[in-house]
Protein backbone atom coordinates (compact mmCIF):
# COMPACT_ATOMS: atom_id res chain seq x y z
CA MET A 1 -0.07 -0.02 0.12
CA ALA A 2 1.49 3.41 -0.93
CA VAL A 3 2.38 6.00 1.73
CA PRO A 4 0.33 9.30 1.30
CA VAL A 5 2.78 11.77 0.37
CA SER A 6 2.71 15.22 2.45
CA ARG A 7 4.88 17.98 3.87
CA SER A 8 4.21 16.44 7.29
CA LEU A 9 5.74 13.29 6.07
CA TYR A 10 8.89 15.17 5.22
CA GLU A 11 9.39 16.29 8.70
CA GLN A 12 9.09 12.67 9.74
CA VAL A 13 11.46 11.06 7.43
CA MET A 14 13.93 13.38 6.08
CA VAL A 15 17.18 14.85 7.71
CA PRO A 16 16.38 18.38 8.84
CA ASN A 17 19.05 20.37 6.70
CA TYR A 18 16.38 21.94 4.36
CA ALA A 19 13.67 23.80 5.28
CA PRO A 20 11.44 23.66 2.07
CA ALA A 21 8.05 25.44 1.18
CA GLN A 22 5.12 23.81 2.26
CA VAL A 23 3.68 23.15 -1.33
CA ILE A 24 4.86 20.10 -3.21
CA PRO A 25 5.50 20.51 -7.04
CA VAL A 26 4.32 17.30 -8.86
CA GLN A 27 4.45 18.36 -12.56
CA GLY A 28 6.10 21.05 -14.77
CA GLN A 29 5.72 22.16 -18.27
CA GLY A 30 7.83 25.20 -19.77
CA ALA A 31 7.71 27.57 -16.84
CA ARG A 32 4.57 26.63 -15.51
CA ILE A 33 4.41 24.34 -12.30
CA TRP A 34 1.38 22.47 -10.74
CA ASP A 35 1.26 21.36 -6.95
CA GLN A 36 -0.44 18.39 -5.40
CA ASP A 37 -3.69 20.46 -5.15
CA GLY A 38 -3.50 21.64 -8.94
CA ASN A 39 -2.26 25.04 -8.23
CA GLU A 40 -0.28 26.71 -10.94
CA TYR A 41 2.66 28.78 -10.21
CA ILE A 42 5.02 30.61 -12.72
CA ASP A 43 8.64 29.54 -12.31
CA PHE A 44 11.12 32.55 -12.24
CA ALA A 45 13.27 30.42 -10.36
CA GLY A 46 14.46 27.78 -12.56
CA GLY A 47 15.45 25.33 -10.11
CA ILE A 48 17.85 27.72 -9.16
CA ALA A 49 19.38 28.51 -12.75
CA VAL A 50 19.04 24.69 -13.44
CA ASN A 51 15.84 24.56 -15.85
CA ALA A 52 17.64 26.32 -18.61
CA LEU A 53 14.91 25.11 -21.21
CA GLY A 54 12.09 24.90 -18.97
CA HIS A 55 10.45 21.92 -17.49
CA CYS A 56 9.89 18.77 -19.50
CA HIS A 57 11.39 20.14 -22.85
CA PRO A 58 10.13 17.76 -25.46
CA ALA A 59 13.58 17.29 -26.90
CA LEU A 60 15.08 16.00 -23.72
CA VAL A 61 12.27 13.90 -22.79
CA GLN A 62 12.60 12.19 -26.13
CA THR A 63 16.57 11.88 -25.65
CA LEU A 64 16.09 10.70 -22.17
CA SER A 65 13.40 8.00 -23.32
CA GLU A 66 15.78 6.79 -25.92
CA GLN A 67 18.60 6.32 -23.95
CA SER A 68 16.72 4.72 -21.29
CA GLN A 69 15.86 1.89 -23.33
CA ARG A 70 19.60 1.42 -24.50
CA LEU A 71 22.31 1.87 -21.75
CA TRP A 72 21.94 3.51 -18.19
CA HIS A 73 25.10 2.83 -16.21
CA ILE A 74 28.26 0.97 -17.24
CA SER A 75 31.09 2.35 -14.77
CA ASN A 76 34.33 3.98 -15.74
CA VAL A 77 35.84 0.76 -16.31
CA PHE A 78 34.42 1.50 -19.71
CA THR A 79 33.64 4.71 -21.83
CA ASN A 80 30.41 5.13 -23.43
CA GLU A 81 29.27 7.01 -26.71
CA PRO A 82 27.08 9.68 -24.99
CA ALA A 83 30.01 10.79 -22.83
CA ILE A 84 32.46 10.88 -25.58
CA ARG A 85 30.21 13.07 -27.79
CA LEU A 86 29.31 15.48 -24.89
CA ALA A 87 33.03 15.77 -24.12
CA ALA A 88 33.83 16.50 -27.96
CA SER A 89 30.92 18.89 -28.33
CA LEU A 90 31.96 20.79 -25.15
CA THR A 91 35.73 21.08 -26.25
CA LYS A 92 34.71 22.22 -29.66
CA ALA A 93 32.59 25.01 -28.12
CA THR A 94 35.01 26.42 -25.64
CA PHE A 95 38.70 27.00 -24.83
CA ALA A 96 38.90 23.35 -23.24
CA ASP A 97 40.71 20.53 -24.77
CA ARG A 98 39.70 17.96 -22.06
CA VAL A 99 36.52 17.28 -19.66
CA PHE A 100 35.97 15.49 -16.37
CA PHE A 101 32.35 14.58 -15.91
CA ALA A 102 30.51 14.38 -12.55
CA ASN A 103 26.97 14.85 -11.09
CA SER A 104 26.94 18.25 -9.18
CA GLY A 105 28.78 21.82 -8.95
CA LEU A 106 30.67 20.63 -5.89
CA GLU A 107 31.98 17.53 -7.36
CA ALA A 108 33.18 19.63 -10.32
CA ASN A 109 34.82 22.11 -8.02
CA GLU A 110 36.16 19.33 -5.92
CA ALA A 111 37.75 18.07 -8.96
CA ALA A 112 38.92 21.56 -9.90
CA PHE A 113 40.41 22.14 -6.35
CA LYS A 114 42.36 18.83 -6.40
CA LEU A 115 43.47 19.45 -9.90
CA ALA A 116 44.76 22.98 -8.83
CA ARG A 117 46.52 21.60 -5.52
CA ARG A 118 48.22 18.80 -7.76
CA TYR A 119 49.14 21.18 -10.68
CA GLY A 120 50.75 23.44 -7.95
CA THR A 121 52.88 20.69 -6.11
CA ILE A 122 53.87 19.04 -9.34
CA THR A 123 54.94 22.61 -10.98
CA GLY A 124 56.07 24.43 -7.98
CA GLY A 125 56.87 22.13 -4.87
CA GLU A 126 54.89 20.99 -1.80
CA GLY A 127 54.58 24.74 -0.69
CA LYS A 128 52.53 25.78 -3.63
CA TYR A 129 49.39 24.90 -2.64
CA GLU A 130 47.40 27.92 -1.58
CA ILE A 131 44.05 28.80 -3.03
CA ILE A 132 42.70 32.35 -3.26
CA SER A 133 38.69 32.72 -3.34
CA ALA A 134 36.36 35.71 -3.14
CA LEU A 135 34.69 36.48 0.27
CA GLU A 136 31.01 35.52 -0.07
CA SER A 137 31.51 33.46 -2.79
CA PHE A 138 29.85 29.59 -3.26
CA HIS A 139 31.42 26.77 -4.43
CA GLY A 140 29.63 23.88 -3.01
CA ARG A 141 28.93 22.04 0.46
CA SER A 142 31.79 19.58 0.73
CA LEU A 143 34.47 20.20 3.58
CA PHE A 144 36.56 21.39 0.84
CA THR A 145 34.28 23.34 -1.23
CA VAL A 146 32.93 25.14 1.75
CA SER A 147 36.47 25.90 3.12
CA VAL A 148 37.43 27.49 -0.48
CA ALA A 149 34.03 29.56 -0.50
CA GLY A 150 34.20 32.67 1.69
CA GLN A 151 31.26 32.18 3.93
CA PRO A 152 32.13 31.06 7.18
CA LYS A 153 28.48 29.90 8.14
CA TYR A 154 28.98 27.15 5.79
CA SER A 155 32.00 25.84 7.31
CA GLN A 156 31.79 26.50 11.14
CA GLY A 157 30.74 23.38 13.30
CA PHE A 158 32.48 20.77 11.24
CA GLY A 159 35.95 21.04 12.73
CA PRO A 160 39.09 22.67 11.43
CA ALA A 161 38.58 24.23 7.84
CA ILE A 162 41.00 23.06 5.24
CA ALA A 163 44.27 24.87 5.33
CA GLY A 164 45.72 26.93 2.44
CA ILE A 165 42.61 28.80 1.65
CA ARG A 166 42.95 32.68 1.34
CA HIS A 167 39.89 34.98 1.11
CA VAL A 168 39.69 38.55 -0.43
CA PRO A 169 36.99 40.88 -1.21
CA PHE A 170 35.24 40.40 -4.51
CA ASN A 171 36.12 42.76 -7.54
CA ASP A 172 39.09 44.23 -5.28
CA ILE A 173 42.19 44.37 -7.30
CA GLU A 174 44.64 45.60 -5.00
CA ALA A 175 43.59 42.88 -2.47
CA LEU A 176 44.23 40.12 -5.09
CA GLU A 177 47.36 41.62 -5.74
CA ARG A 178 48.65 41.60 -2.26
CA THR A 179 47.68 38.27 -1.66
CA ILE A 180 48.73 36.09 -4.51
CA SER A 181 52.13 34.89 -4.30
CA SER A 182 54.55 31.82 -5.36
CA LYS A 183 52.44 29.86 -2.79
CA THR A 184 49.24 30.38 -4.73
CA CYS A 185 48.10 27.18 -6.83
CA ALA A 186 44.86 28.96 -8.05
CA VAL A 187 42.54 31.73 -7.90
CA VAL A 188 39.02 30.75 -7.97
CA LEU A 189 36.22 33.42 -8.92
CA GLU A 190 32.85 33.09 -10.11
CA PRO A 191 31.82 35.59 -12.81
CA ILE A 192 28.66 36.37 -10.72
CA LEU A 193 28.30 36.05 -7.04
CA GLY A 194 24.90 34.39 -7.37
CA GLU A 195 24.32 33.16 -3.72
CA SER A 196 25.52 36.49 -2.03
CA GLY A 197 23.48 39.19 -4.20
CA VAL A 198 23.95 38.41 -7.74
CA LEU A 199 27.12 40.78 -8.00
CA PRO A 200 28.99 40.70 -11.33
CA ALA A 201 32.48 40.93 -11.69
CA THR A 202 34.20 43.76 -13.39
CA TYR A 203 36.23 43.12 -16.79
CA ALA A 204 39.00 44.79 -14.89
CA TYR A 205 39.03 42.26 -11.79
CA LEU A 206 38.80 39.45 -14.17
CA GLN A 207 41.44 40.57 -16.50
CA ARG A 208 43.86 41.31 -13.74
CA ALA A 209 43.15 37.86 -11.95
CA ARG A 210 44.30 36.31 -15.24
CA GLU A 211 47.36 38.42 -15.47
CA LEU A 212 48.22 37.84 -11.83
CA CYS A 213 47.95 33.85 -12.33
CA ASP A 214 50.20 34.03 -15.43
CA GLU A 215 52.89 35.98 -13.33
CA HIS A 216 52.59 33.68 -10.61
CA GLY A 217 52.25 30.35 -12.08
CA ALA A 218 48.78 29.83 -10.66
CA LEU A 219 45.67 28.38 -12.31
CA LEU A 220 42.71 30.74 -13.10
CA ILE A 221 39.42 28.68 -12.16
CA PHE A 222 36.04 30.02 -13.18
CA ASP A 223 33.18 28.56 -11.31
CA GLU A 224 30.53 28.74 -13.80
CA VAL A 225 28.18 26.36 -12.19
CA GLN A 226 25.49 29.27 -12.02
CA THR A 227 26.79 31.41 -14.86
CA GLY A 228 27.56 28.98 -17.56
CA MET A 229 25.15 27.28 -20.33
CA GLY A 230 23.62 30.31 -21.90
CA ARG A 231 22.59 32.20 -18.58
CA LEU A 232 24.24 35.22 -19.66
CA GLY A 233 23.58 35.34 -23.49
CA LYS A 234 26.59 33.44 -24.22
CA LEU A 235 27.19 29.72 -23.73
CA PHE A 236 29.66 30.49 -21.00
CA ALA A 237 30.41 33.83 -18.90
CA TYR A 238 34.42 33.68 -19.78
CA GLN A 239 33.23 34.42 -23.29
CA TYR A 240 30.99 37.43 -22.34
CA PHE A 241 33.61 38.72 -20.23
CA GLY A 242 36.47 37.69 -22.81
CA VAL A 243 38.78 36.65 -20.06
CA VAL A 244 39.61 32.68 -20.64
CA PRO A 245 40.55 30.71 -17.54
CA ASP A 246 42.61 27.44 -17.07
CA VAL A 247 39.86 25.57 -15.60
CA LEU A 248 35.91 26.11 -15.83
CA THR A 249 33.28 24.12 -13.71
CA ALA A 250 29.68 23.87 -14.99
CA ALA A 251 26.72 22.03 -13.64
CA LYS A 252 23.16 23.06 -12.81
CA ALA A 253 22.04 23.97 -16.53
CA ILE A 254 24.27 21.56 -18.00
CA GLY A 255 21.75 18.63 -17.75
CA CYS A 256 18.85 20.81 -17.58
CA GLY A 257 17.53 18.88 -14.28
CA PHE A 258 19.27 15.64 -15.01
CA PRO A 259 22.27 15.49 -12.54
CA LEU A 260 25.47 16.24 -14.49
CA ALA A 261 28.38 18.39 -14.04
CA ALA A 262 31.85 18.91 -15.94
CA MET A 263 35.17 20.28 -15.07
CA LEU A 264 36.86 21.73 -18.47
CA THR A 265 40.46 22.46 -19.03
CA THR A 266 43.40 22.40 -21.27
CA ASN A 267 45.73 19.53 -22.34
CA GLU A 268 48.61 21.02 -20.46
CA VAL A 269 46.39 21.18 -17.18
CA ALA A 270 44.64 18.09 -17.55
CA GLN A 271 47.94 15.83 -17.63
CA HIS A 272 48.39 16.25 -13.87
CA LEU A 273 45.15 14.31 -13.17
CA GLY A 274 46.55 10.76 -14.40
CA VAL A 275 45.14 7.44 -14.29
CA GLY A 276 43.88 6.87 -10.63
CA THR A 277 44.07 10.28 -9.23
CA HIS A 278 40.31 11.32 -9.37
CA GLY A 279 37.17 9.55 -10.24
CA SER A 280 33.29 9.53 -9.81
CA THR A 281 31.05 6.22 -9.76
CA PHE A 282 28.13 7.98 -11.74
CA GLY A 283 30.14 10.62 -13.44
CA GLY A 284 29.64 10.70 -17.44
CA ASN A 285 27.21 8.08 -17.08
CA PRO A 286 25.19 7.68 -20.51
CA LEU A 287 21.77 8.95 -19.31
CA ALA A 288 23.05 12.16 -18.20
CA CYS A 289 25.36 12.66 -21.06
CA ALA A 290 22.88 11.88 -23.51
CA VAL A 291 20.36 14.71 -21.81
CA GLY A 292 23.80 16.81 -21.54
CA GLU A 293 24.42 16.36 -25.42
CA ALA A 294 20.85 17.50 -26.47
CA ALA A 295 20.79 20.45 -24.21
CA LEU A 296 24.00 21.75 -25.17
CA HIS A 297 22.90 21.54 -29.00
CA LEU A 298 19.41 23.65 -28.13
CA ILE A 299 20.93 26.04 -25.81
CA ASN A 300 24.40 26.84 -27.99
CA SER A 301 22.10 28.32 -30.95
CA SER A 302 21.83 31.74 -31.98
CA GLN A 303 17.98 31.41 -31.29
CA VAL A 304 18.26 30.83 -27.61
CA LEU A 305 21.55 32.96 -26.74
CA GLU A 306 20.34 35.95 -28.53
CA GLY A 307 16.81 35.48 -26.98
CA VAL A 308 18.34 35.66 -23.60
CA SER A 309 19.09 39.38 -24.11
CA ALA A 310 15.64 40.17 -25.31
CA ARG A 311 14.21 38.33 -22.26
CA HIS A 312 16.69 40.49 -19.80
CA ALA A 313 15.53 43.73 -21.28
CA TYR A 314 11.73 42.98 -21.15
CA LEU A 315 11.94 41.57 -17.46
CA VAL A 316 14.40 44.31 -16.14
CA LYS A 317 11.99 47.04 -17.50
CA ALA A 318 9.20 45.37 -15.99
CA LEU A 319 10.81 44.76 -12.80
CA SER A 320 12.30 48.26 -12.38
CA GLU A 321 8.41 49.85 -12.83
CA VAL A 322 6.95 47.55 -10.40
CA GLY A 323 9.55 47.56 -7.88
CA ALA A 324 9.59 51.49 -8.10
CA ARG A 325 5.69 51.91 -8.13
CA TYR A 326 5.53 49.86 -4.44
CA GLY A 327 8.83 50.82 -3.42
CA ILE A 328 10.40 47.33 -2.86
CA PHE A 329 13.36 47.50 -5.28
CA GLU A 330 16.03 50.23 -5.59
CA GLU A 331 17.84 48.66 -8.34
CA ILE A 332 18.06 45.50 -10.70
CA ARG A 333 21.24 44.14 -11.62
CA GLY A 334 22.69 41.15 -13.08
CA ILE A 335 23.52 40.04 -16.66
CA GLY A 336 21.31 37.84 -19.18
CA LEU A 337 18.62 35.88 -17.12
CA LEU A 338 20.54 36.11 -13.75
CA LEU A 339 18.62 38.95 -12.05
CA GLY A 340 19.20 40.44 -8.73
CA CYS A 341 16.39 42.65 -7.50
CA VAL A 342 17.98 44.79 -4.88
CA LEU A 343 15.53 45.71 -2.09
CA THR A 344 14.88 49.40 -0.77
CA PRO A 345 15.93 50.17 2.96
CA ALA A 346 12.29 49.78 3.95
CA TRP A 347 12.31 46.00 2.85
CA LYS A 348 16.11 45.01 3.92
CA GLY A 349 16.33 41.82 5.57
CA LYS A 350 13.18 40.56 4.39
CA ALA A 351 13.93 38.70 0.92
CA ARG A 352 12.69 35.39 2.60
CA TYR A 353 9.56 36.92 3.58
CA ILE A 354 8.91 38.30 0.25
CA MET A 355 9.86 35.22 -1.40
CA THR A 356 7.18 33.23 0.53
CA LYS A 357 4.64 36.10 -0.21
CA CYS A 358 5.50 35.61 -3.89
CA LEU A 359 4.72 31.81 -3.56
CA GLU A 360 1.41 32.22 -1.95
CA GLN A 361 0.37 34.38 -4.85
CA GLY A 362 1.81 31.71 -7.41
CA VAL A 363 5.15 32.92 -8.72
CA MET A 364 8.65 31.33 -7.65
CA VAL A 365 11.23 33.43 -6.90
CA LEU A 366 14.70 32.93 -5.16
CA GLN A 367 16.57 34.99 -2.80
CA ALA A 368 20.40 36.17 -2.69
CA GLY A 369 21.12 36.77 0.74
CA PRO A 370 18.70 38.64 2.96
CA ASP A 371 18.43 41.72 0.80
CA VAL A 372 18.38 40.74 -2.95
CA ILE A 373 15.29 38.94 -4.62
CA ARG A 374 17.05 36.51 -7.20
CA LEU A 375 15.61 35.38 -10.66
CA ALA A 376 16.70 32.86 -13.03
CA PRO A 377 14.00 31.89 -15.23
CA SER A 378 14.02 29.42 -18.29
CA LEU A 379 16.31 30.88 -21.08
CA ILE A 380 13.38 30.23 -23.26
CA ILE A 381 10.71 31.38 -21.07
CA GLU A 382 7.47 32.62 -23.04
CA ASN A 383 6.19 36.44 -23.09
CA VAL A 384 2.82 35.16 -21.90
CA GLU A 385 4.64 33.38 -19.00
CA MET A 386 6.64 36.32 -18.05
CA ASP A 387 3.67 38.69 -18.10
CA ALA A 388 1.64 35.73 -16.08
CA GLY A 389 4.51 36.16 -13.53
CA LEU A 390 4.95 39.64 -13.40
CA ALA A 391 1.07 39.82 -12.81
CA LYS A 392 1.28 37.90 -10.07
CA LEU A 393 4.52 39.91 -8.62
CA GLU A 394 2.39 43.00 -9.01
CA VAL A 395 -0.42 41.33 -6.79
CA THR A 396 2.31 40.32 -4.31
CA PHE A 397 3.76 43.77 -3.92
CA ASN A 398 0.39 45.75 -3.59
CA GLN A 399 -0.25 43.21 -0.77
CA LEU A 400 3.13 43.90 0.90
CA SER A 401 2.36 47.42 0.51
CA MET A 402 -1.01 47.39 2.05
CA GLU A 403 0.83 45.27 5.14
CA GLN A 404 3.28 47.85 5.61
CA LEU A 405 0.75 50.70 5.51
CA VAL A 406 -1.31 48.83 8.22
CA ALA A 407 1.74 48.23 10.49
CA SER A 408 2.53 51.90 9.93
CA LEU A 409 -0.73 53.11 10.87
CA GLN A 410 -0.75 50.73 13.96
CA SER A 411 2.65 51.88 15.30
CA ALA A 412 1.55 55.58 15.15
CA GLU A 413 -1.30 54.82 17.27
């Protein structure tokens, strides 16, 4: 007999490391989602920048169905056709010569950081192992990746952090110049700080990081887990900024919802991960790579990439207008379809509350810290879906404004 699935059952059977919303989505199509009760939502969150082609894209469904009838898993004792094809397509479309497949962003970053340490010790000796990253960055939840990320809240309480990690303020060229040294094996940067406010890097900062890495024999690693796969209107953010890294990590949208990640690098750097130095049981499995190949083919097209810019302009204009009308947003920042709606002083610290209220009105958004509402919708979201979501945001903001007015009147009494 099947157990009735409910939010209360979640509380009984799941480890309490998440605090999910009360609704349970059960079906999606395009940028629309329906919950257990049949309520419809417009998805401006995109599974946190994962669903680049929306929910249940027909081409991806067909690809997964066809591959599921051929080969699911074979292990890395063997290779497989989808993995080879996807790797070849990624190298053809980027600076990279070699690809390592994994299942998630943290796994791709773990591989990149291990590669950096190995590269450093082989090329510069045992003392060349320091990694520099940005304060308020995010690179995953393993012990290594939370140590590299510049957010102590994710690493505290798990014992000593991994040694040799240096943190500098984001976009601060002088701080990076002061910190990098002959001990540095890598500088790790997100082209846009996604989790901490949707803050884009400057070209000058990324370019100087490239120069400094060259000067000190260090690798430049771009974490493109969130910015990659068309999110900024280019296949990868490094192409948008015109600064080429030595290593790039991709996940989230690379599988459009199917667990898949990749670390891309050059021939020169890849040689330092020889046989037996790293691995993944499921990394590069046929199911994931078949979906990834289909997704890459669709995303890396002029129709999709050029459409990102048009959708960016449409959303930014509309969000600016509605945010100003209700005094909720003071700025809309970001690139492409990774947008950060910065809250006005009156609403500072209330991003999670606003996100919850939006959900109640039928639109899914994200937060990026306590002061920013984040949007990362499908790259092919239709105008009618954007309009529906914007209308729901308008209703939400009107309600919030009324709440604020009532609270103001009550406090004045």
